[in-house]
Amino acid sequence: MMTSVIETDVLIIGAGPAGLMAANELQKRDMDFICLEQRSSHSELSKALGIQARTLEMFELLGVHQEFLKKGYPGPARIQAPSRRGKTFCGGTLSYRESISISTYYSSK
């Protein structure tokens, strides 16, 4: 039995949203990477119906936010985080005050 070794700078496990975003950023930086995915094709089912306000901020940093804002529908933004007393508060200082709902057709391209 013959085995081979594949060398790469980065190995990405999973071609979900985080894996594909990582692959996109690595490609922009001309880095060598391999992205492994267990499934042979994409899912026909929706994985998410919205994009949170904080994710929109990250998309803005990456320069990919405008297309999502054009095609999405506004919805309420809500951040929950534990306070010092163990209670939950909602609030924050976001550039985007709303999350958006967007068709999987657009968000998975």
PDB file of N, CA and C in Angstrom:
ATOM      1  N   MET A   1       0.830  -1.179   0.000  1.00  0.00           N
ATOM      2  CA  MET A   1       0.000   0.000   0.000  1.00  0.00           C
ATOM      3  C   MET A   1       0.879   1.248   0.000  1.00  0.00           C
ATOM      4  N   MET A   2       0.561   2.143  -0.871  1.00  0.00           N
ATOM      5  CA  MET A   2       1.340   3.369  -1.000  1.00  0.00           C
ATOM      6  C   MET A   2       0.603   4.520  -0.336  1.00  0.00           C
ATOM      7  N   THR A   3       1.311   5.303   0.444  1.00  0.00           N
ATOM      8  CA  THR A   3       0.720   6.479   1.078  1.00  0.00           C
ATOM      9  C   THR A   3       1.437   7.714   0.560  1.00  0.00           C
ATOM     10  N   SER A   4       0.738   8.816   0.613  1.00  0.00           N
ATOM     11  CA  SER A   4       1.351  10.067   0.194  1.00  0.00           C
ATOM     12  C   SER A   4       1.159  11.106   1.285  1.00  0.00           C
ATOM     13  N   VAL A   5       2.020  12.079   1.280  1.00  0.00           N
ATOM     14  CA  VAL A   5       1.959  13.161   2.249  1.00  0.00           C
ATOM     15  C   VAL A   5       1.617  14.439   1.497  1.00  0.00           C
ATOM     16  N   ILE A   6       0.624  15.122   2.005  1.00  0.00           N
ATOM     17  CA  ILE A   6       0.248  16.411   1.435  1.00  0.00           C
ATOM     18  C   ILE A   6       0.654  17.480   2.422  1.00  0.00           C
ATOM     19  N   GLU A   7       1.415  18.442   1.960  1.00  0.00           N
ATOM     20  CA  GLU A   7       1.848  19.522   2.825  1.00  0.00           C
ATOM     21  C   GLU A   7       1.049  20.781   2.519  1.00  0.00           C
ATOM     22  N   THR A   8       0.685  21.481   3.570  1.00  0.00           N
ATOM     23  CA  THR A   8      -0.053  22.733   3.434  1.00  0.00           C
ATOM     24  C   THR A   8       0.241  23.607   4.645  1.00  0.00           C
ATOM     25  N   ASP A   9      -0.015  24.889   4.512  1.00  0.00           N
ATOM     26  CA  ASP A   9       0.170  25.802   5.642  1.00  0.00           C
ATOM     27  C   ASP A   9      -0.961  25.676   6.652  1.00  0.00           C
ATOM     28  N   VAL A  10      -2.195  25.510   6.134  1.00  0.00           N
ATOM     29  CA  VAL A  10      -3.372  25.484   7.005  1.00  0.00           C
ATOM     30  C   VAL A  10      -4.307  24.361   6.564  1.00  0.00           C
ATOM     31  N   LEU A  11      -4.814  23.625   7.537  1.00  0.00           N
ATOM     32  CA  LEU A  11      -5.814  22.598   7.287  1.00  0.00           C
ATOM     33  C   LEU A  11      -7.119  23.055   7.924  1.00  0.00           C
ATOM     34  N   ILE A  12      -8.148  23.210   7.116  1.00  0.00           N
ATOM     35  CA  ILE A  12      -9.463  23.627   7.602  1.00  0.00           C
ATOM     36  C   ILE A  12     -10.355  22.390   7.616  1.00  0.00           C
ATOM     37  N   ILE A  13     -10.940  22.104   8.769  1.00  0.00           N
ATOM     38  CA  ILE A  13     -11.839  20.966   8.898  1.00  0.00           C
ATOM     39  C   ILE A  13     -13.276  21.482   8.876  1.00  0.00           C
ATOM     40  N   GLY A  14     -14.000  21.170   7.812  1.00  0.00           N
ATOM     41  CA  GLY A  14     -15.395  21.573   7.692  1.00  0.00           C
ATOM     42  C   GLY A  14     -15.570  22.767   6.773  1.00  0.00           C
ATOM     43  N   ALA A  15     -16.500  22.628   5.837  1.00  0.00           N
ATOM     44  CA  ALA A  15     -16.788  23.699   4.891  1.00  0.00           C
ATOM     45  C   ALA A  15     -18.106  24.379   5.227  1.00  0.00           C
ATOM     46  N   GLY A  16     -18.346  24.569   6.527  1.00  0.00           N
ATOM     47  CA  GLY A  16     -19.502  25.341   6.972  1.00  0.00           C
ATOM     48  C   GLY A  16     -19.168  26.817   6.891  1.00  0.00           C
ATOM     49  N   PRO A  17     -19.980  27.660   7.487  1.00  0.00           N
ATOM     50  CA  PRO A  17     -19.738  29.107   7.396  1.00  0.00           C
ATOM     51  C   PRO A  17     -18.358  29.542   7.895  1.00  0.00           C
ATOM     52  N   ALA A  18     -17.922  28.999   9.022  1.00  0.00           N
ATOM     53  CA  ALA A  18     -16.605  29.401   9.557  1.00  0.00           C
ATOM     54  C   ALA A  18     -15.471  28.880   8.681  1.00  0.00           C
ATOM     55  N   GLY A  19     -15.572  27.647   8.234  1.00  0.00           N
ATOM     56  CA  GLY A  19     -14.535  27.069   7.381  1.00  0.00           C
ATOM     57  C   GLY A  19     -14.412  27.794   6.051  1.00  0.00           C
ATOM     58  N   LEU A  20     -15.556  28.110   5.448  1.00  0.00           N
ATOM     59  CA  LEU A  20     -15.519  28.814   4.167  1.00  0.00           C
ATOM     60  C   LEU A  20     -15.014  30.244   4.313  1.00  0.00           C
ATOM     61  N   MET A  21     -15.369  30.896   5.421  1.00  0.00           N
ATOM     62  CA  MET A  21     -14.859  32.247   5.660  1.00  0.00           C
ATOM     63  C   MET A  21     -13.341  32.206   5.855  1.00  0.00           C
ATOM     64  N   ALA A  22     -12.867  31.208   6.600  1.00  0.00           N
ATOM     65  CA  ALA A  22     -11.420  31.060   6.792  1.00  0.00           C
ATOM     66  C   ALA A  22     -10.734  30.810   5.450  1.00  0.00           C
ATOM     67  N   ALA A  23     -11.303  29.944   4.631  1.00  0.00           N
ATOM     68  CA  ALA A  23     -10.721  29.656   3.315  1.00  0.00           C
ATOM     69  C   ALA A  23     -10.685  30.915   2.445  1.00  0.00           C
ATOM     70  N   ASN A  24     -11.746  31.692   2.500  1.00  0.00           N
ATOM     71  CA  ASN A  24     -11.813  32.930   1.739  1.00  0.00           C
ATOM     72  C   ASN A  24     -10.705  33.898   2.154  1.00  0.00           C
ATOM     73  N   GLU A  25     -10.530  34.062   3.443  1.00  0.00           N
ATOM     74  CA  GLU A  25      -9.499  34.986   3.936  1.00  0.00           C
ATOM     75  C   GLU A  25      -8.092  34.478   3.630  1.00  0.00           C
ATOM     76  N   LEU A  26      -7.873  33.181   3.751  1.00  0.00           N
ATOM     77  CA  LEU A  26      -6.559  32.615   3.424  1.00  0.00           C
ATOM     78  C   LEU A  26      -6.246  32.777   1.942  1.00  0.00           C
ATOM     79  N   GLN A  27      -7.255  32.596   1.095  1.00  0.00           N
ATOM     80  CA  GLN A  27      -7.052  32.761  -0.340  1.00  0.00           C
ATOM     81  C   GLN A  27      -6.693  34.204  -0.676  1.00  0.00           C
ATOM     82  N   LYS A  28      -7.352  35.165  -0.023  1.00  0.00           N
ATOM     83  CA  LYS A  28      -7.029  36.581  -0.238  1.00  0.00           C
ATOM     84  C   LYS A  28      -5.574  36.872   0.113  1.00  0.00           C
ATOM     85  N   ARG A  29      -5.056  36.150   1.088  1.00  0.00           N
ATOM     86  CA  ARG A  29      -3.680  36.366   1.546  1.00  0.00           C
ATOM     87  C   ARG A  29      -2.679  35.448   0.846  1.00  0.00           C
ATOM     88  N   ASP A  30      -3.165  34.760  -0.186  1.00  0.00           N
ATOM     89  CA  ASP A  30      -2.329  33.871  -0.997  1.00  0.00           C
ATOM     90  C   ASP A  30      -1.616  32.807  -0.157  1.00  0.00           C
ATOM     91  N   MET A  31      -2.337  32.279   0.836  1.00  0.00           N
ATOM     92  CA  MET A  31      -1.781  31.218   1.679  1.00  0.00           C
ATOM     93  C   MET A  31      -2.264  29.870   1.184  1.00  0.00           C
ATOM     94  N   ASP A  32      -1.433  28.869   1.344  1.00  0.00           N
ATOM     95  CA  ASP A  32      -1.772  27.510   0.944  1.00  0.00           C
ATOM     96  C   ASP A  32      -2.639  26.873   2.024  1.00  0.00           C
ATOM     97  N   PHE A  33      -3.779  26.306   1.622  1.00  0.00           N
ATOM     98  CA  PHE A  33      -4.653  25.653   2.583  1.00  0.00           C
ATOM     99  C   PHE A  33      -5.403  24.506   1.911  1.00  0.00           C
ATOM    100  N   ILE A  34      -5.899  23.615   2.729  1.00  0.00           N
ATOM    101  CA  ILE A  34      -6.789  22.549   2.289  1.00  0.00           C
ATOM    102  C   ILE A  34      -8.009  22.594   3.193  1.00  0.00           C
ATOM    103  N   CYS A  35      -9.178  22.532   2.578  1.00  0.00           N
ATOM    104  CA  CYS A  35     -10.434  22.533   3.321  1.00  0.00           C
ATOM    105  C   CYS A  35     -11.089  21.167   3.129  1.00  0.00           C
ATOM    106  N   LEU A  36     -11.282  20.443   4.225  1.00  0.00           N
ATOM    107  CA  LEU A  36     -11.895  19.118   4.174  1.00  0.00           C
ATOM    108  C   LEU A  36     -13.338  19.190   4.642  1.00  0.00           C
ATOM    109  N   GLU A  37     -14.228  18.531   3.899  1.00  0.00           N
ATOM    110  CA  GLU A  37     -15.642  18.474   4.256  1.00  0.00           C
ATOM    111  C   GLU A  37     -16.123  17.043   4.111  1.00  0.00           C
ATOM    112  N   GLN A  38     -16.863  16.573   5.094  1.00  0.00           N
ATOM    113  CA  GLN A  38     -17.366  15.207   5.100  1.00  0.00           C
ATOM    114  C   GLN A  38     -18.465  14.997   4.061  1.00  0.00           C
ATOM    115  N   ARG A  39     -19.311  15.988   3.880  1.00  0.00           N
ATOM    116  CA  ARG A  39     -20.444  15.844   2.948  1.00  0.00           C
ATOM    117  C   ARG A  39     -19.971  16.002   1.501  1.00  0.00           C
ATOM    118  N   SER A  40     -20.640  15.298   0.602  1.00  0.00           N
ATOM    119  CA  SER A  40     -20.256  15.369  -0.805  1.00  0.00           C
ATOM    120  C   SER A  40     -20.946  16.520  -1.547  1.00  0.00           C
ATOM    121  N   SER A  41     -22.012  17.087  -0.966  1.00  0.00           N
ATOM    122  CA  SER A  41     -22.687  18.224  -1.583  1.00  0.00           C
ATOM    123  C   SER A  41     -23.277  19.105  -0.485  1.00  0.00           C
ATOM    124  N   HIS A  42     -23.695  20.301  -0.867  1.00  0.00           N
ATOM    125  CA  HIS A  42     -24.257  21.224   0.122  1.00  0.00           C
ATOM    126  C   HIS A  42     -25.665  20.779   0.515  1.00  0.00           C
ATOM    127  N   SER A  43     -26.100  21.225   1.658  1.00  0.00           N
ATOM    128  CA  SER A  43     -27.425  20.893   2.163  1.00  0.00           C
ATOM    129  C   SER A  43     -28.482  21.732   1.460  1.00  0.00           C
ATOM    130  N   GLU A  44     -29.610  21.143   1.183  1.00  0.00           N
ATOM    131  CA  GLU A  44     -30.737  21.875   0.601  1.00  0.00           C
ATOM    132  C   GLU A  44     -31.550  22.574   1.682  1.00  0.00           C
ATOM    133  N   LEU A  45     -31.279  22.261   2.954  1.00  0.00           N
ATOM    134  CA  LEU A  45     -32.014  22.835   4.066  1.00  0.00           C
ATOM    135  C   LEU A  45     -31.342  24.112   4.551  1.00  0.00           C
ATOM    136  N   SER A  46     -32.132  25.034   5.030  1.00  0.00           N
ATOM    137  CA  SER A  46     -31.608  26.278   5.574  1.00  0.00           C
ATOM    138  C   SER A  46     -30.888  25.997   6.891  1.00  0.00           C
ATOM    139  N   LYS A  47     -29.741  26.571   7.063  1.00  0.00           N
ATOM    140  CA  LYS A  47     -28.986  26.423   8.311  1.00  0.00           C
ATOM    141  C   LYS A  47     -29.171  27.637   9.214  1.00  0.00           C
ATOM    142  N   ALA A  48     -29.558  28.736   8.643  1.00  0.00           N
ATOM    143  CA  ALA A  48     -29.784  29.958   9.416  1.00  0.00           C
ATOM    144  C   ALA A  48     -30.649  30.894   8.592  1.00  0.00           C
ATOM    145  N   LEU A  49     -31.540  31.554   9.252  1.00  0.00           N
ATOM    146  CA  LEU A  49     -32.424  32.484   8.545  1.00  0.00           C
ATOM    147  C   LEU A  49     -32.017  33.932   8.750  1.00  0.00           C
ATOM    148  N   GLY A  50     -31.005  34.165   9.570  1.00  0.00           N
ATOM    149  CA  GLY A  50     -30.621  35.537   9.842  1.00  0.00           C
ATOM    150  C   GLY A  50     -29.141  35.690  10.078  1.00  0.00           C
ATOM    151  N   ILE A  51     -28.706  36.911  10.037  1.00  0.00           N
ATOM    152  CA  ILE A  51     -27.320  37.270  10.324  1.00  0.00           C
ATOM    153  C   ILE A  51     -27.360  38.274  11.466  1.00  0.00           C
ATOM    154  N   GLN A  52     -26.677  37.961  12.539  1.00  0.00           N
ATOM    155  CA  GLN A  52     -26.684  38.806  13.725  1.00  0.00           C
ATOM    156  C   GLN A  52     -25.902  40.100  13.486  1.00  0.00           C
ATOM    157  N   ALA A  53     -26.232  41.114  14.270  1.00  0.00           N
ATOM    158  CA  ALA A  53     -25.594  42.423  14.137  1.00  0.00           C
ATOM    159  C   ALA A  53     -24.074  42.326  14.293  1.00  0.00           C
ATOM    160  N   ARG A  54     -23.602  41.524  15.234  1.00  0.00           N
ATOM    161  CA  ARG A  54     -22.148  41.396  15.437  1.00  0.00           C
ATOM    162  C   ARG A  54     -21.479  40.751  14.223  1.00  0.00           C
ATOM    163  N   THR A  55     -22.163  39.800  13.605  1.00  0.00           N
ATOM    164  CA  THR A  55     -21.625  39.178  12.391  1.00  0.00           C
ATOM    165  C   THR A  55     -21.546  40.200  11.271  1.00  0.00           C
ATOM    166  N   LEU A  56     -22.540  41.091  11.173  1.00  0.00           N
ATOM    167  CA  LEU A  56     -22.484  42.161  10.178  1.00  0.00           C
ATOM    168  C   LEU A  56     -21.281  43.068  10.411  1.00  0.00           C
ATOM    169  N   GLU A  57     -20.956  43.321  11.672  1.00  0.00           N
ATOM    170  CA  GLU A  57     -19.753  44.109  11.970  1.00  0.00           C
ATOM    171  C   GLU A  57     -18.496  43.400  11.466  1.00  0.00           C
ATOM    172  N   MET A  58     -18.432  42.099  11.685  1.00  0.00           N
ATOM    173  CA  MET A  58     -17.270  41.335  11.208  1.00  0.00           C
ATOM    174  C   MET A  58     -17.229  41.330   9.678  1.00  0.00           C
ATOM    175  N   PHE A  59     -18.392  41.186   9.040  1.00  0.00           N
ATOM    176  CA  PHE A  59     -18.450  41.236   7.584  1.00  0.00           C
ATOM    177  C   PHE A  59     -17.960  42.588   7.063  1.00  0.00           C
ATOM    178  N   GLU A  60     -18.292  43.659   7.803  1.00  0.00           N
ATOM    179  CA  GLU A  60     -17.824  44.986   7.387  1.00  0.00           C
ATOM    180  C   GLU A  60     -16.297  45.060   7.449  1.00  0.00           C
ATOM    181  N   LEU A  61     -15.711  44.516   8.503  1.00  0.00           N
ATOM    182  CA  LEU A  61     -14.249  44.497   8.603  1.00  0.00           C
ATOM    183  C   LEU A  61     -13.614  43.744   7.442  1.00  0.00           C
ATOM    184  N   LEU A  62     -14.310  42.720   6.959  1.00  0.00           N
ATOM    185  CA  LEU A  62     -13.812  41.915   5.844  1.00  0.00           C
ATOM    186  C   LEU A  62     -14.178  42.506   4.485  1.00  0.00           C
ATOM    187  N   GLY A  63     -15.016  43.549   4.498  1.00  0.00           N
ATOM    188  CA  GLY A  63     -15.396  44.203   3.256  1.00  0.00           C
ATOM    189  C   GLY A  63     -16.445  43.462   2.445  1.00  0.00           C
ATOM    190  N   VAL A  64     -17.250  42.623   3.093  1.00  0.00           N
ATOM    191  CA  VAL A  64     -18.242  41.831   2.360  1.00  0.00           C
ATOM    192  C   VAL A  64     -19.674  42.112   2.823  1.00  0.00           C
ATOM    193  N   HIS A  65     -19.903  43.166   3.572  1.00  0.00           N
ATOM    194  CA  HIS A  65     -21.196  43.412   4.195  1.00  0.00           C
ATOM    195  C   HIS A  65     -22.266  44.009   3.280  1.00  0.00           C
ATOM    196  N   GLN A  66     -21.876  44.787   2.287  1.00  0.00           N
ATOM    197  CA  GLN A  66     -22.849  45.527   1.478  1.00  0.00           C
ATOM    198  C   GLN A  66     -23.864  44.631   0.781  1.00  0.00           C
ATOM    199  N   GLU A  67     -23.429  43.535   0.212  1.00  0.00           N
ATOM    200  CA  GLU A  67     -24.341  42.642  -0.505  1.00  0.00           C
ATOM    201  C   GLU A  67     -25.385  42.045   0.436  1.00  0.00           C
ATOM    202  N   PHE A  68     -24.976  41.723   1.662  1.00  0.00           N
ATOM    203  CA  PHE A  68     -25.921  41.193   2.643  1.00  0.00           C
ATOM    204  C   PHE A  68     -26.937  42.254   3.051  1.00  0.00           C
ATOM    205  N   LEU A  69     -26.483  43.478   3.233  1.00  0.00           N
ATOM    206  CA  LEU A  69     -27.388  44.561   3.615  1.00  0.00           C
ATOM    207  C   LEU A  69     -28.391  44.865   2.505  1.00  0.00           C
ATOM    208  N   LYS A  70     -27.963  44.750   1.249  1.00  0.00           N
ATOM    209  CA  LYS A  70     -28.862  45.007   0.123  1.00  0.00           C
ATOM    210  C   LYS A  70     -29.961  43.957   0.027  1.00  0.00           C
ATOM    211  N   LYS A  71     -29.623  42.704   0.307  1.00  0.00           N
ATOM    212  CA  LYS A  71     -30.569  41.610   0.074  1.00  0.00           C
ATOM    213  C   LYS A  71     -31.299  41.147   1.327  1.00  0.00           C
ATOM    214  N   GLY A  72     -30.883  41.615   2.490  1.00  0.00           N
ATOM    215  CA  GLY A  72     -31.507  41.184   3.740  1.00  0.00           C
ATOM    216  C   GLY A  72     -32.663  42.063   4.163  1.00  0.00           C
ATOM    217  N   TYR A  73     -33.435  41.558   5.111  1.00  0.00           N
ATOM    218  CA  TYR A  73     -34.556  42.285   5.689  1.00  0.00           C
ATOM    219  C   TYR A  73     -34.241  42.584   7.140  1.00  0.00           C
ATOM    220  N   PRO A  74     -34.419  43.833   7.596  1.00  0.00           N
ATOM    221  CA  PRO A  74     -34.068  44.176   8.985  1.00  0.00           C
ATOM    222  C   PRO A  74     -34.883  43.401  10.012  1.00  0.00           C
ATOM    223  N   GLY A  75     -34.241  43.119  11.121  1.00  0.00           N
ATOM    224  CA  GLY A  75     -34.890  42.466  12.254  1.00  0.00           C
ATOM    225  C   GLY A  75     -34.284  43.012  13.529  1.00  0.00           C
ATOM    226  N   PRO A  76     -34.780  42.653  14.680  1.00  0.00           N
ATOM    227  CA  PRO A  76     -34.249  43.202  15.936  1.00  0.00           C
ATOM    228  C   PRO A  76     -32.868  42.641  16.271  1.00  0.00           C
ATOM    229  N   ALA A  77     -32.026  43.477  16.836  1.00  0.00           N
ATOM    230  CA  ALA A  77     -30.711  43.035  17.307  1.00  0.00           C
ATOM    231  C   ALA A  77     -30.790  42.803  18.804  1.00  0.00           C
ATOM    232  N   ARG A  78     -30.199  41.752  19.267  1.00  0.00           N
ATOM    233  CA  ARG A  78     -30.236  41.472  20.699  1.00  0.00           C
ATOM    234  C   ARG A  78     -28.942  40.762  21.080  1.00  0.00           C
ATOM    235  N   ILE A  79     -28.236  41.352  21.997  1.00  0.00           N
ATOM    236  CA  ILE A  79     -27.012  40.746  22.513  1.00  0.00           C
ATOM    237  C   ILE A  79     -27.272  40.340  23.937  1.00  0.00           C
ATOM    238  N   GLN A  80     -26.954  39.135  24.271  1.00  0.00           N
ATOM    239  CA  GLN A  80     -27.096  38.690  25.648  1.00  0.00           C
ATOM    240  C   GLN A  80     -25.732  38.268  26.161  1.00  0.00           C
ATOM    241  N   ALA A  81     -25.406  38.748  27.324  1.00  0.00           N
ATOM    242  CA  ALA A  81     -24.126  38.391  27.938  1.00  0.00           C
ATOM    243  C   ALA A  81     -24.301  38.400  29.446  1.00  0.00           C
ATOM    244  N   PRO A  82     -23.561  37.563  30.160  1.00  0.00           N
ATOM    245  CA  PRO A  82     -23.713  37.552  31.619  1.00  0.00           C
ATOM    246  C   PRO A  82     -23.139  38.823  32.239  1.00  0.00           C
ATOM    247  N   SER A  83     -23.816  39.348  33.229  1.00  0.00           N
ATOM    248  CA  SER A  83     -23.309  40.504  33.957  1.00  0.00           C
ATOM    249  C   SER A  83     -22.448  40.004  35.111  1.00  0.00           C
ATOM    250  N   ARG A  84     -21.872  40.914  35.858  1.00  0.00           N
ATOM    251  CA  ARG A  84     -21.020  40.531  36.990  1.00  0.00           C
ATOM    252  C   ARG A  84     -21.812  39.822  38.090  1.00  0.00           C
ATOM    253  N   ARG A  85     -23.099  40.080  38.160  1.00  0.00           N
ATOM    254  CA  ARG A  85     -23.927  39.463  39.191  1.00  0.00           C
ATOM    255  C   ARG A  85     -24.585  38.176  38.716  1.00  0.00           C
ATOM    256  N   GLY A  86     -24.179  37.676  37.562  1.00  0.00           N
ATOM    257  CA  GLY A  86     -24.721  36.426  37.066  1.00  0.00           C
ATOM    258  C   GLY A  86     -26.047  36.554  36.344  1.00  0.00           C
ATOM    259  N   LYS A  87     -26.552  37.784  36.205  1.00  0.00           N
ATOM    260  CA  LYS A  87     -27.795  37.999  35.476  1.00  0.00           C
ATOM    261  C   LYS A  87     -27.469  38.264  34.012  1.00  0.00           C
ATOM    262  N   THR A  88     -28.490  38.290  33.200  1.00  0.00           N
ATOM    263  CA  THR A  88     -28.296  38.552  31.776  1.00  0.00           C
ATOM    264  C   THR A  88     -28.767  39.954  31.453  1.00  0.00           C
ATOM    265  N   PHE A  89     -28.000  40.652  30.670  1.00  0.00           N
ATOM    266  CA  PHE A  89     -28.437  41.958  30.203  1.00  0.00           C
ATOM    267  C   PHE A  89     -28.451  41.952  28.689  1.00  0.00           C
ATOM    268  N   CYS A  90     -29.234  42.819  28.123  1.00  0.00           N
ATOM    269  CA  CYS A  90     -29.278  42.993  26.680  1.00  0.00           C
ATOM    270  C   CYS A  90     -28.810  44.401  26.370  1.00  0.00           C
ATOM    271  N   GLY A  91     -27.984  44.535  25.401  1.00  0.00           N
ATOM    272  CA  GLY A  91     -27.504  45.859  25.030  1.00  0.00           C
ATOM    273  C   GLY A  91     -26.173  45.743  24.336  1.00  0.00           C
ATOM    274  N   GLY A  92     -25.422  46.781  24.348  1.00  0.00           N
ATOM    275  CA  GLY A  92     -24.128  46.762  23.705  1.00  0.00           C
ATOM    276  C   GLY A  92     -23.950  47.999  22.855  1.00  0.00           C
ATOM    277  N   THR A  93     -22.793  48.149  22.309  1.00  0.00           N
ATOM    278  CA  THR A  93     -22.520  49.272  21.427  1.00  0.00           C
ATOM    279  C   THR A  93     -22.179  48.697  20.063  1.00  0.00           C
ATOM    280  N   LEU A  94     -23.173  48.528  19.244  1.00  0.00           N
ATOM    281  CA  LEU A  94     -22.994  47.949  17.922  1.00  0.00           C
ATOM    282  C   LEU A  94     -23.085  49.020  16.849  1.00  0.00           C
ATOM    283  N   SER A  95     -22.334  48.841  15.783  1.00  0.00           N
ATOM    284  CA  SER A  95     -22.491  49.698  14.616  1.00  0.00           C
ATOM    285  C   SER A  95     -23.834  49.416  13.969  1.00  0.00           C
ATOM    286  N   TYR A  96     -24.260  48.159  14.029  1.00  0.00           N
ATOM    287  CA  TYR A  96     -25.533  47.737  13.458  1.00  0.00           C
ATOM    288  C   TYR A  96     -26.499  47.500  14.603  1.00  0.00           C
ATOM    289  N   ARG A  97     -27.622  48.153  14.588  1.00  0.00           N
ATOM    290  CA  ARG A  97     -28.619  48.001  15.643  1.00  0.00           C
ATOM    291  C   ARG A  97     -29.604  46.881  15.335  1.00  0.00           C
ATOM    292  N   GLU A  98     -29.509  46.300  14.146  1.00  0.00           N
ATOM    293  CA  GLU A  98     -30.439  45.263  13.765  1.00  0.00           C
ATOM    294  C   GLU A  98     -29.706  44.069  13.188  1.00  0.00           C
ATOM    295  N   SER A  99     -30.307  42.912  13.368  1.00  0.00           N
ATOM    296  CA  SER A  99     -29.863  41.748  12.623  1.00  0.00           C
ATOM    297  C   SER A  99     -30.638  41.789  11.310  1.00  0.00           C
ATOM    298  N   ILE A 100     -30.299  40.916  10.370  1.00  0.00           N
ATOM    299  CA  ILE A 100     -31.065  40.864   9.132  1.00  0.00           C
ATOM    300  C   ILE A 100     -31.478  39.433   8.857  1.00  0.00           C
ATOM    301  N   SER A 101     -32.624  39.288   8.227  1.00  0.00           N
ATOM    302  CA  SER A 101     -33.067  37.997   7.720  1.00  0.00           C
ATOM    303  C   SER A 101     -32.688  37.974   6.251  1.00  0.00           C
ATOM    304  N   ILE A 102     -32.167  36.836   5.808  1.00  0.00           N
ATOM    305  CA  ILE A 102     -31.711  36.755   4.410  1.00  0.00           C
ATOM    306  C   ILE A 102     -31.944  35.347   3.903  1.00  0.00           C
ATOM    307  N   SER A 103     -32.312  35.246   2.659  1.00  0.00           N
ATOM    308  CA  SER A 103     -32.556  33.947   2.046  1.00  0.00           C
ATOM    309  C   SER A 103     -31.268  33.136   2.009  1.00  0.00           C
ATOM    310  N   THR A 104     -31.389  31.839   2.276  1.00  0.00           N
ATOM    311  CA  THR A 104     -30.236  30.940   2.198  1.00  0.00           C
ATOM    312  C   THR A 104     -29.641  30.969   0.786  1.00  0.00           C
ATOM    313  N   TYR A 105     -30.470  31.244  -0.194  1.00  0.00           N
ATOM    314  CA  TYR A 105     -29.994  31.345  -1.585  1.00  0.00           C
ATOM    315  C   TYR A 105     -28.850  32.355  -1.684  1.00  0.00           C
ATOM    316  N   TYR A 106     -28.969  33.493  -0.986  1.00  0.00           N
ATOM    317  CA  TYR A 106     -27.937  34.515  -1.024  1.00  0.00           C
ATOM    318  C   TYR A 106     -26.828  34.283  -0.020  1.00  0.00           C
ATOM    319  N   SER A 107     -27.181  33.833   1.184  1.00  0.00           N
ATOM    320  CA  SER A 107     -26.176  33.722   2.243  1.00  0.00           C
ATOM    321  C   SER A 107     -25.226  32.562   2.052  1.00  0.00           C
ATOM    322  N   SER A 108     -25.580  31.575   1.227  1.00  0.00           N
ATOM    323  CA  SER A 108     -24.704  30.413   1.061  1.00  0.00           C
ATOM    324  C   SER A 108     -23.887  30.467  -0.216  1.00  0.00           C
ATOM    325  N   LYS A 109     -23.930  31.571  -0.929  1.00  0.00           N
ATOM    326  CA  LYS A 109     -23.149  31.687  -2.171  1.00  0.00           C
ATOM    327  C   LYS A 109     -21.703  31.985  -1.883  1.00  0.00           C
TER     328      LYS A 109
END
